[in-house]
Amino acid sequence: MDNILQISKTQEVMAFVATCIEATARVMKTTYKDVFHRMARVGLIDNFIIPHYDTLHTESRENIANEMIECLNNWEERQ
């Protein structure tokens, strides 16, 4: 049991961010790079995904992807 890898909370959250991006890209049928750039441009990662990690990570990937798409579209329209 001493060989179990321990990860920090930051690493856990960043892994979740990656999961959100990949799940969203899959549903949108685009690349994770495209989704990452779009999310970064509107601040979705720093201002929504990370602050709401504790709530979001309890949802299914399908729900997360759908919520991310809706958020992304709404945030892009506001710019």
Protein backbone atom coordinates (compact mmCIF):
# COMPACT_ATOMS: atom_id res chain seq x y z
CA MET A 1 0.00 0.00 0.00
CA ASP A 2 2.96 2.35 0.32
CA ASN A 3 3.16 2.59 -3.48
CA ILE A 4 -0.23 4.30 -3.86
CA LEU A 5 0.13 7.55 -5.76
CA GLN A 6 -1.13 10.60 -3.93
CA ILE A 7 -2.28 13.56 -5.98
CA SER A 8 -2.92 17.07 -4.77
CA LYS A 9 -6.29 18.81 -4.86
CA THR A 10 -4.93 21.02 -7.65
CA GLN A 11 -4.00 17.97 -9.73
CA GLU A 12 -7.44 16.49 -9.09
CA VAL A 13 -9.17 19.69 -10.22
CA MET A 14 -6.97 20.01 -13.32
CA ALA A 15 -7.74 16.40 -14.27
CA PHE A 16 -11.43 17.27 -13.95
CA VAL A 17 -10.98 20.36 -16.15
CA ALA A 18 -9.40 18.11 -18.80
CA THR A 19 -12.35 15.73 -18.51
CA CYS A 20 -14.80 18.61 -18.99
CA ILE A 21 -12.96 19.79 -22.08
CA GLU A 22 -12.68 16.33 -23.62
CA ALA A 23 -16.31 15.41 -22.91
CA THR A 24 -17.49 18.71 -24.37
CA ALA A 25 -15.34 18.26 -27.48
CA ARG A 26 -16.69 14.75 -27.98
CA VAL A 27 -20.32 15.91 -27.86
CA MET A 28 -19.55 18.91 -30.11
CA LYS A 29 -17.64 16.65 -32.51
CA THR A 30 -14.61 18.92 -32.48
CA THR A 31 -11.11 18.84 -31.03
CA TYR A 32 -10.25 19.33 -27.39
CA LYS A 33 -7.89 22.11 -28.51
CA ASP A 34 -10.76 24.03 -30.08
CA VAL A 35 -12.89 23.67 -26.95
CA PHE A 36 -9.98 24.61 -24.68
CA HIS A 37 -9.24 27.77 -26.67
CA ARG A 38 -12.90 28.78 -26.73
CA MET A 39 -13.31 28.15 -23.00
CA ALA A 40 -10.09 29.98 -22.18
CA ARG A 41 -11.06 32.96 -24.35
CA VAL A 42 -14.28 33.56 -22.37
CA GLY A 43 -12.85 32.60 -18.97
CA LEU A 44 -15.04 29.54 -18.51
CA ILE A 45 -12.28 27.41 -16.99
CA ASP A 46 -11.10 29.92 -14.37
CA ASN A 47 -14.47 31.50 -13.66
CA PHE A 48 -16.85 28.54 -13.79
CA ILE A 49 -15.31 25.07 -13.91
CA ILE A 50 -12.64 25.52 -11.23
CA PRO A 51 -14.77 27.52 -8.75
CA HIS A 52 -17.68 25.06 -9.12
CA TYR A 53 -15.58 21.89 -9.12
CA ASP A 54 -17.14 20.52 -5.92
CA THR A 55 -20.61 20.61 -7.45
CA LEU A 56 -19.77 19.81 -11.06
CA HIS A 57 -17.68 16.71 -10.39
CA THR A 58 -20.72 14.95 -8.94
CA GLU A 59 -22.54 15.09 -12.29
CA SER A 60 -22.37 12.62 -15.16
CA ARG A 61 -20.07 13.36 -18.08
CA GLU A 62 -23.12 13.74 -20.31
CA ASN A 63 -24.64 16.38 -18.03
CA ILE A 64 -21.30 18.14 -17.67
CA ALA A 65 -20.76 18.25 -21.43
CA ASN A 66 -24.26 19.60 -22.05
CA GLU A 67 -23.86 22.22 -19.33
CA MET A 68 -20.45 23.25 -20.68
CA ILE A 69 -21.85 23.65 -24.19
CA GLU A 70 -24.72 25.79 -22.95
CA CYS A 71 -22.40 27.90 -20.81
CA LEU A 72 -19.83 28.28 -23.56
CA ASN A 73 -22.43 29.42 -26.08
CA ASN A 74 -23.97 31.88 -23.61
CA TRP A 75 -20.62 33.31 -22.54
CA GLU A 76 -19.48 33.69 -26.15
CA GLU A 77 -22.70 35.56 -27.02
CA ARG A 78 -22.01 38.07 -24.24
CA GLN A 79 -18.65 39.06 -25.67
